[in-house]
Amino acid sequence: MISFWTFQQDYEGIILGCGLRIEPKGNQENELMSVLTTLATRAHTHIISIFRKMNITRGEYLFLKAIALFEDTYTAKWN
C-alpha cells in the first residue's frame, strides 16, 4: 500500500501507512532516514513509475495485490 498511496498522492518521496511523509532527499545522517530514502528511490524506480504508466486504479491495485498474496505456489510447484 505504501507505493500505491505515494502514487495516488503524486508525492515525490514516500508516504508510509501512518501518514508519515519521507522526503526523497531527506536527512542522510540519520541511519533510519537513509534506509527510508533508499526505499523511496527503489519504490519510485521499480513500482510507482509502472503505476504511473498504467494509471492504475485502487480497484486494479487491490486485485493485483490479492493475486500476489494468494497465489497457490505449492500446487504450481508440483504441476
PDB file of N, CA and C in Angstrom:
ATOM      1  N   MET A   1       0.817  -1.189   0.000  1.00  0.00           N
ATOM      2  CA  MET A   1       0.000   0.000   0.000  1.00  0.00           C
ATOM      3  C   MET A   1       0.862   1.254   0.000  1.00  0.00           C
ATOM      4  N   ILE A   2       2.065   1.171   0.543  1.00  0.00           N
ATOM      5  CA  ILE A   2       2.930   2.347   0.594  1.00  0.00           C
ATOM      6  C   ILE A   2       3.128   2.912  -0.811  1.00  0.00           C
ATOM      7  N   SER A   3       3.432   2.054  -1.760  1.00  0.00           N
ATOM      8  CA  SER A   3       3.663   2.512  -3.128  1.00  0.00           C
ATOM      9  C   SER A   3       2.400   3.086  -3.739  1.00  0.00           C
ATOM     10  N   PHE A   4       1.253   2.476  -3.474  1.00  0.00           N
ATOM     11  CA  PHE A   4       0.011   2.977  -4.058  1.00  0.00           C
ATOM     12  C   PHE A   4      -0.368   4.322  -3.464  1.00  0.00           C
ATOM     13  N   TRP A   5      -0.245   4.480  -2.141  1.00  0.00           N
ATOM     14  CA  TRP A   5      -0.554   5.777  -1.521  1.00  0.00           C
ATOM     15  C   TRP A   5       0.347   6.864  -2.084  1.00  0.00           C
ATOM     16  N   THR A   6       1.613   6.553  -2.249  1.00  0.00           N
ATOM     17  CA  THR A   6       2.558   7.520  -2.800  1.00  0.00           C
ATOM     18  C   THR A   6       2.170   7.877  -4.226  1.00  0.00           C
ATOM     19  N   PHE A   7       1.811   6.883  -5.032  1.00  0.00           N
ATOM     20  CA  PHE A   7       1.361   7.117  -6.407  1.00  0.00           C
ATOM     21  C   PHE A   7       0.089   7.948  -6.415  1.00  0.00           C
ATOM     22  N   GLN A   8      -0.870   7.585  -5.582  1.00  0.00           N
ATOM     23  CA  GLN A   8      -2.170   8.251  -5.554  1.00  0.00           C
ATOM     24  C   GLN A   8      -2.036   9.733  -5.185  1.00  0.00           C
ATOM     25  N   GLN A   9      -1.138  10.049  -4.277  1.00  0.00           N
ATOM     26  CA  GLN A   9      -0.932  11.436  -3.849  1.00  0.00           C
ATOM     27  C   GLN A   9       0.058  12.178  -4.754  1.00  0.00           C
ATOM     28  N   ASP A  10       0.646  11.466  -5.721  1.00  0.00           N
ATOM     29  CA  ASP A  10       1.648  12.031  -6.628  1.00  0.00           C
ATOM     30  C   ASP A  10       2.764  12.713  -5.844  1.00  0.00           C
ATOM     31  N   TYR A  11       3.264  11.988  -4.852  1.00  0.00           N
ATOM     32  CA  TYR A  11       4.295  12.504  -3.955  1.00  0.00           C
ATOM     33  C   TYR A  11       5.661  12.056  -4.443  1.00  0.00           C
ATOM     34  N   GLU A  12       6.632  12.920  -4.372  1.00  0.00           N
ATOM     35  CA  GLU A  12       7.976  12.599  -4.863  1.00  0.00           C
ATOM     36  C   GLU A  12       8.766  11.719  -3.903  1.00  0.00           C
ATOM     37  N   GLY A  13       8.455  11.770  -2.628  1.00  0.00           N
ATOM     38  CA  GLY A  13       9.125  10.921  -1.644  1.00  0.00           C
ATOM     39  C   GLY A  13       8.357   9.626  -1.497  1.00  0.00           C
ATOM     40  N   ILE A  14       8.039   9.280  -0.258  1.00  0.00           N
ATOM     41  CA  ILE A  14       7.240   8.090   0.007  1.00  0.00           C
ATOM     42  C   ILE A  14       6.324   8.370   1.194  1.00  0.00           C
ATOM     43  N   ILE A  15       5.108   7.841   1.133  1.00  0.00           N
ATOM     44  CA  ILE A  15       4.139   8.021   2.204  1.00  0.00           C
ATOM     45  C   ILE A  15       3.958   6.685   2.909  1.00  0.00           C
ATOM     46  N   LEU A  16       4.269   6.643   4.194  1.00  0.00           N
ATOM     47  CA  LEU A  16       4.117   5.419   4.981  1.00  0.00           C
ATOM     48  C   LEU A  16       2.668   5.276   5.437  1.00  0.00           C
ATOM     49  N   GLY A  17       2.299   4.100   5.907  1.00  0.00           N
ATOM     50  CA  GLY A  17       0.932   3.813   6.307  1.00  0.00           C
ATOM     51  C   GLY A  17       0.387   4.718   7.392  1.00  0.00           C
ATOM     52  N   CYS A  18       1.229   5.228   8.246  1.00  0.00           N
ATOM     53  CA  CYS A  18       0.789   6.102   9.334  1.00  0.00           C
ATOM     54  C   CYS A  18       0.622   7.545   8.870  1.00  0.00           C
ATOM     55  N   GLY A  19       0.884   7.813   7.594  1.00  0.00           N
ATOM     56  CA  GLY A  19       0.770   9.160   7.060  1.00  0.00           C
ATOM     57  C   GLY A  19       2.080   9.927   7.058  1.00  0.00           C
ATOM     58  N   LEU A  20       3.121   9.335   7.604  1.00  0.00           N
ATOM     59  CA  LEU A  20       4.435   9.972   7.639  1.00  0.00           C
ATOM     60  C   LEU A  20       4.979  10.082   6.222  1.00  0.00           C
ATOM     61  N   ARG A  21       5.442  11.267   5.873  1.00  0.00           N
ATOM     62  CA  ARG A  21       5.985  11.504   4.536  1.00  0.00           C
ATOM     63  C   ARG A  21       7.500  11.601   4.612  1.00  0.00           C
ATOM     64  N   ILE A  22       8.170  10.836   3.783  1.00  0.00           N
ATOM     65  CA  ILE A  22       9.628  10.818   3.733  1.00  0.00           C
ATOM     66  C   ILE A  22      10.063  11.582   2.489  1.00  0.00           C
ATOM     67  N   GLU A  23      10.859  12.612   2.688  1.00  0.00           N
ATOM     68  CA  GLU A  23      11.364  13.413   1.568  1.00  0.00           C
ATOM     69  C   GLU A  23      12.407  12.609   0.794  1.00  0.00           C
ATOM     70  N   PRO A  24      12.439  12.745  -0.538  1.00  0.00           N
ATOM     71  CA  PRO A  24      13.401  11.968  -1.324  1.00  0.00           C
ATOM     72  C   PRO A  24      14.854  12.338  -1.049  1.00  0.00           C
ATOM     73  N   LYS A  25      15.091  13.554  -0.637  1.00  0.00           N
ATOM     74  CA  LYS A  25      16.460  13.978  -0.328  1.00  0.00           C
ATOM     75  C   LYS A  25      16.519  14.403   1.132  1.00  0.00           C
ATOM     76  N   GLY A  26      16.020  13.537   1.995  1.00  0.00           N
ATOM     77  CA  GLY A  26      15.947  13.823   3.427  1.00  0.00           C
ATOM     78  C   GLY A  26      17.305  13.801   4.106  1.00  0.00           C
ATOM     79  N   ASN A  27      17.288  13.851   5.409  1.00  0.00           N
ATOM     80  CA  ASN A  27      18.490  13.863   6.235  1.00  0.00           C
ATOM     81  C   ASN A  27      19.196  12.509   6.124  1.00  0.00           C
ATOM     82  N   GLN A  28      20.329  12.485   5.455  1.00  0.00           N
ATOM     83  CA  GLN A  28      21.061  11.238   5.246  1.00  0.00           C
ATOM     84  C   GLN A  28      21.951  10.873   6.431  1.00  0.00           C
ATOM     85  N   GLU A  29      22.082  11.775   7.409  1.00  0.00           N
ATOM     86  CA  GLU A  29      22.930  11.486   8.564  1.00  0.00           C
ATOM     87  C   GLU A  29      22.280  10.458   9.483  1.00  0.00           C
ATOM     88  N   ASN A  30      20.982  10.461   9.554  1.00  0.00           N
ATOM     89  CA  ASN A  30      20.237   9.511  10.371  1.00  0.00           C
ATOM     90  C   ASN A  30      20.146   8.192   9.601  1.00  0.00           C
ATOM     91  N   GLU A  31      20.542   7.089  10.212  1.00  0.00           N
ATOM     92  CA  GLU A  31      20.565   5.794   9.519  1.00  0.00           C
ATOM     93  C   GLU A  31      19.175   5.365   9.054  1.00  0.00           C
ATOM     94  N   LEU A  32      18.159   5.561   9.887  1.00  0.00           N
ATOM     95  CA  LEU A  32      16.792   5.199   9.511  1.00  0.00           C
ATOM     96  C   LEU A  32      16.334   6.011   8.303  1.00  0.00           C
ATOM     97  N   MET A  33      16.609   7.300   8.313  1.00  0.00           N
ATOM     98  CA  MET A  33      16.208   8.144   7.184  1.00  0.00           C
ATOM     99  C   MET A  33      16.946   7.740   5.911  1.00  0.00           C
ATOM    100  N   SER A  34      18.177   7.321   6.050  1.00  0.00           N
ATOM    101  CA  SER A  34      18.946   6.863   4.901  1.00  0.00           C
ATOM    102  C   SER A  34      18.296   5.622   4.288  1.00  0.00           C
ATOM    103  N   VAL A  35      17.882   4.697   5.134  1.00  0.00           N
ATOM    104  CA  VAL A  35      17.221   3.472   4.657  1.00  0.00           C
ATOM    105  C   VAL A  35      15.887   3.813   4.002  1.00  0.00           C
ATOM    106  N   LEU A  36      15.105   4.698   4.621  1.00  0.00           N
ATOM    107  CA  LEU A  36      13.805   5.081   4.068  1.00  0.00           C
ATOM    108  C   LEU A  36      13.955   5.828   2.747  1.00  0.00           C
ATOM    109  N   THR A  37      14.987   6.637   2.634  1.00  0.00           N
ATOM    110  CA  THR A  37      15.241   7.340   1.376  1.00  0.00           C
ATOM    111  C   THR A  37      15.600   6.341   0.279  1.00  0.00           C
ATOM    112  N   THR A  38      16.394   5.337   0.611  1.00  0.00           N
ATOM    113  CA  THR A  38      16.724   4.283  -0.347  1.00  0.00           C
ATOM    114  C   THR A  38      15.467   3.521  -0.755  1.00  0.00           C
ATOM    115  N   LEU A  39      14.603   3.219   0.214  1.00  0.00           N
ATOM    116  CA  LEU A  39      13.328   2.554  -0.075  1.00  0.00           C
ATOM    117  C   LEU A  39      12.484   3.402  -1.020  1.00  0.00           C
ATOM    118  N   ALA A  40      12.411   4.698  -0.766  1.00  0.00           N
ATOM    119  CA  ALA A  40      11.636   5.606  -1.617  1.00  0.00           C
ATOM    120  C   ALA A  40      12.172   5.607  -3.042  1.00  0.00           C
ATOM    121  N   THR A  41      13.474   5.664  -3.183  1.00  0.00           N
ATOM    122  CA  THR A  41      14.092   5.676  -4.509  1.00  0.00           C
ATOM    123  C   THR A  41      13.781   4.391  -5.267  1.00  0.00           C
ATOM    124  N   ARG A  42      13.922   3.265  -4.603  1.00  0.00           N
ATOM    125  CA  ARG A  42      13.640   1.977  -5.257  1.00  0.00           C
ATOM    126  C   ARG A  42      12.158   1.824  -5.592  1.00  0.00           C
ATOM    127  N   ALA A  43      11.292   2.260  -4.695  1.00  0.00           N
ATOM    128  CA  ALA A  43       9.852   2.173  -4.950  1.00  0.00           C
ATOM    129  C   ALA A  43       9.475   3.007  -6.168  1.00  0.00           C
ATOM    130  N   HIS A  44      10.030   4.210  -6.276  1.00  0.00           N
ATOM    131  CA  HIS A  44       9.731   5.065  -7.428  1.00  0.00           C
ATOM    132  C   HIS A  44      10.289   4.470  -8.710  1.00  0.00           C
ATOM    133  N   THR A  45      11.463   3.891  -8.636  1.00  0.00           N
ATOM    134  CA  THR A  45      12.105   3.334  -9.821  1.00  0.00           C
ATOM    135  C   THR A  45      11.397   2.083 -10.329  1.00  0.00           C
ATOM    136  N   HIS A  46      11.023   1.183  -9.428  1.00  0.00           N
ATOM    137  CA  HIS A  46      10.539  -0.133  -9.841  1.00  0.00           C
ATOM    138  C   HIS A  46       9.030  -0.336  -9.738  1.00  0.00           C
ATOM    139  N   ILE A  47       8.330   0.458  -8.948  1.00  0.00           N
ATOM    140  CA  ILE A  47       6.898   0.216  -8.749  1.00  0.00           C
ATOM    141  C   ILE A  47       6.056   1.414  -9.162  1.00  0.00           C
ATOM    142  N   ILE A  48       6.318   2.556  -8.562  1.00  0.00           N
ATOM    143  CA  ILE A  48       5.469   3.728  -8.767  1.00  0.00           C
ATOM    144  C   ILE A  48       5.522   4.209 -10.210  1.00  0.00           C
ATOM    145  N   SER A  49       6.678   4.107 -10.851  1.00  0.00           N
ATOM    146  CA  SER A  49       6.773   4.507 -12.262  1.00  0.00           C
ATOM    147  C   SER A  49       5.863   3.641 -13.134  1.00  0.00           C
ATOM    148  N   ILE A  50       5.740   2.363 -12.801  1.00  0.00           N
ATOM    149  CA  ILE A  50       4.838   1.461 -13.534  1.00  0.00           C
ATOM    150  C   ILE A  50       3.385   1.839 -13.267  1.00  0.00           C
ATOM    151  N   PHE A  51       3.061   2.141 -12.007  1.00  0.00           N
ATOM    152  CA  PHE A  51       1.706   2.589 -11.676  1.00  0.00           C
ATOM    153  C   PHE A  51       1.342   3.825 -12.492  1.00  0.00           C
ATOM    154  N   ARG A  52       2.287   4.741 -12.651  1.00  0.00           N
ATOM    155  CA  ARG A  52       2.019   5.969 -13.414  1.00  0.00           C
ATOM    156  C   ARG A  52       1.785   5.653 -14.884  1.00  0.00           C
ATOM    157  N   LYS A  53       2.596   4.760 -15.464  1.00  0.00           N
ATOM    158  CA  LYS A  53       2.416   4.391 -16.869  1.00  0.00           C
ATOM    159  C   LYS A  53       1.051   3.748 -17.090  1.00  0.00           C
ATOM    160  N   MET A  54       0.634   2.898 -16.145  1.00  0.00           N
ATOM    161  CA  MET A  54      -0.636   2.183 -16.264  1.00  0.00           C
ATOM    162  C   MET A  54      -1.819   3.033 -15.821  1.00  0.00           C
ATOM    163  N   ASN A  55      -1.543   4.097 -15.048  1.00  0.00           N
ATOM    164  CA  ASN A  55      -2.591   4.901 -14.418  1.00  0.00           C
ATOM    165  C   ASN A  55      -3.559   3.984 -13.667  1.00  0.00           C
ATOM    166  N   ILE A  56      -3.000   3.150 -12.830  1.00  0.00           N
ATOM    167  CA  ILE A  56      -3.732   2.103 -12.126  1.00  0.00           C
ATOM    168  C   ILE A  56      -4.753   2.695 -11.140  1.00  0.00           C
ATOM    169  N   THR A  57      -5.905   2.070 -11.050  1.00  0.00           N
ATOM    170  CA  THR A  57      -6.929   2.499 -10.094  1.00  0.00           C
ATOM    171  C   THR A  57      -6.763   1.718  -8.794  1.00  0.00           C
ATOM    172  N   ARG A  58      -7.447   2.177  -7.754  1.00  0.00           N
ATOM    173  CA  ARG A  58      -7.386   1.488  -6.463  1.00  0.00           C
ATOM    174  C   ARG A  58      -7.903   0.057  -6.596  1.00  0.00           C
ATOM    175  N   GLY A  59      -8.986  -0.138  -7.323  1.00  0.00           N
ATOM    176  CA  GLY A  59      -9.542  -1.474  -7.519  1.00  0.00           C
ATOM    177  C   GLY A  59      -8.577  -2.399  -8.238  1.00  0.00           C
ATOM    178  N   GLU A  60      -7.930  -1.894  -9.278  1.00  0.00           N
ATOM    179  CA  GLU A  60      -6.946  -2.694 -10.009  1.00  0.00           C
ATOM    180  C   GLU A  60      -5.762  -3.053  -9.117  1.00  0.00           C
ATOM    181  N   TYR A  61      -5.321  -2.079  -8.309  1.00  0.00           N
ATOM    182  CA  TYR A  61      -4.213  -2.341  -7.391  1.00  0.00           C
ATOM    183  C   TYR A  61      -4.585  -3.432  -6.391  1.00  0.00           C
ATOM    184  N   LEU A  62      -5.773  -3.328  -5.812  1.00  0.00           N
ATOM    185  CA  LEU A  62      -6.201  -4.324  -4.825  1.00  0.00           C
ATOM    186  C   LEU A  62      -6.333  -5.709  -5.454  1.00  0.00           C
ATOM    187  N   PHE A  63      -6.785  -5.766  -6.701  1.00  0.00           N
ATOM    188  CA  PHE A  63      -6.894  -7.040  -7.410  1.00  0.00           C
ATOM    189  C   PHE A  63      -5.506  -7.656  -7.624  1.00  0.00           C
ATOM    190  N   LEU A  64      -4.550  -6.852  -8.093  1.00  0.00           N
ATOM    191  CA  LEU A  64      -3.182  -7.351  -8.282  1.00  0.00           C
ATOM    192  C   LEU A  64      -2.558  -7.791  -6.968  1.00  0.00           C
ATOM    193  N   LYS A  65      -2.825  -7.042  -5.914  1.00  0.00           N
ATOM    194  CA  LYS A  65      -2.301  -7.382  -4.593  1.00  0.00           C
ATOM    195  C   LYS A  65      -2.872  -8.723  -4.124  1.00  0.00           C
ATOM    196  N   ALA A  66      -4.166  -8.940  -4.346  1.00  0.00           N
ATOM    197  CA  ALA A  66      -4.794 -10.203  -3.948  1.00  0.00           C
ATOM    198  C   ALA A  66      -4.190 -11.377  -4.714  1.00  0.00           C
ATOM    199  N   ILE A  67      -3.932 -11.185  -5.987  1.00  0.00           N
ATOM    200  CA  ILE A  67      -3.314 -12.246  -6.786  1.00  0.00           C
ATOM    201  C   ILE A  67      -1.920 -12.563  -6.254  1.00  0.00           C
ATOM    202  N   ALA A  68      -1.146 -11.535  -5.976  1.00  0.00           N
ATOM    203  CA  ALA A  68       0.225 -11.734  -5.490  1.00  0.00           C
ATOM    204  C   ALA A  68       0.249 -12.394  -4.117  1.00  0.00           C
ATOM    205  N   LEU A  69      -0.669 -12.018  -3.243  1.00  0.00           N
ATOM    206  CA  LEU A  69      -0.669 -12.560  -1.884  1.00  0.00           C
ATOM    207  C   LEU A  69      -1.219 -13.972  -1.796  1.00  0.00           C
ATOM    208  N   PHE A  70      -2.172 -14.296  -2.661  1.00  0.00           N
ATOM    209  CA  PHE A  70      -2.864 -15.572  -2.516  1.00  0.00           C
ATOM    210  C   PHE A  70      -2.600 -16.540  -3.654  1.00  0.00           C
ATOM    211  N   GLU A  71      -1.519 -16.334  -4.395  1.00  0.00           N
ATOM    212  CA  GLU A  71      -1.150 -17.262  -5.456  1.00  0.00           C
ATOM    213  C   GLU A  71      -0.798 -18.609  -4.834  1.00  0.00           C
ATOM    214  N   ASP A  72      -1.277 -19.665  -5.431  1.00  0.00           N
ATOM    215  CA  ASP A  72      -1.045 -21.007  -4.912  1.00  0.00           C
ATOM    216  C   ASP A  72       0.296 -21.519  -5.431  1.00  0.00           C
ATOM    217  N   THR A  73       1.363 -21.187  -4.738  1.00  0.00           N
ATOM    218  CA  THR A  73       2.696 -21.593  -5.184  1.00  0.00           C
ATOM    219  C   THR A  73       2.965 -23.069  -4.924  1.00  0.00           C
ATOM    220  N   TYR A  74       2.292 -23.665  -3.947  1.00  0.00           N
ATOM    221  CA  TYR A  74       2.506 -25.077  -3.637  1.00  0.00           C
ATOM    222  C   TYR A  74       2.049 -25.952  -4.802  1.00  0.00           C
ATOM    223  N   THR A  75       0.835 -25.728  -5.307  1.00  0.00           N
ATOM    224  CA  THR A  75       0.312 -26.521  -6.416  1.00  0.00           C
ATOM    225  C   THR A  75       1.102 -26.238  -7.687  1.00  0.00           C
ATOM    226  N   ALA A  76       1.426 -24.978  -7.921  1.00  0.00           N
ATOM    227  CA  ALA A  76       2.156 -24.612  -9.134  1.00  0.00           C
ATOM    228  C   ALA A  76       3.521 -25.299  -9.186  1.00  0.00           C
ATOM    229  N   LYS A  77       4.131 -25.519  -8.037  1.00  0.00           N
ATOM    230  CA  LYS A  77       5.447 -26.150  -7.996  1.00  0.00           C
ATOM    231  C   LYS A  77       5.372 -27.619  -8.424  1.00  0.00           C
ATOM    232  N   TRP A  78       4.267 -28.286  -8.167  1.00  0.00           N
ATOM    233  CA  TRP A  78       4.162 -29.715  -8.445  1.00  0.00           C
ATOM    234  C   TRP A  78       3.535 -30.038  -9.792  1.00  0.00           C
ATOM    235  N   ASN A  79       3.046 -29.057 -10.502  1.00  0.00           N
ATOM    236  CA  ASN A  79       2.425 -29.325 -11.816  1.00  0.00           C
ATOM    237  C   ASN A  79       3.358 -29.058 -12.948  1.00  0.00           C
TER     238      ASN A  79
END
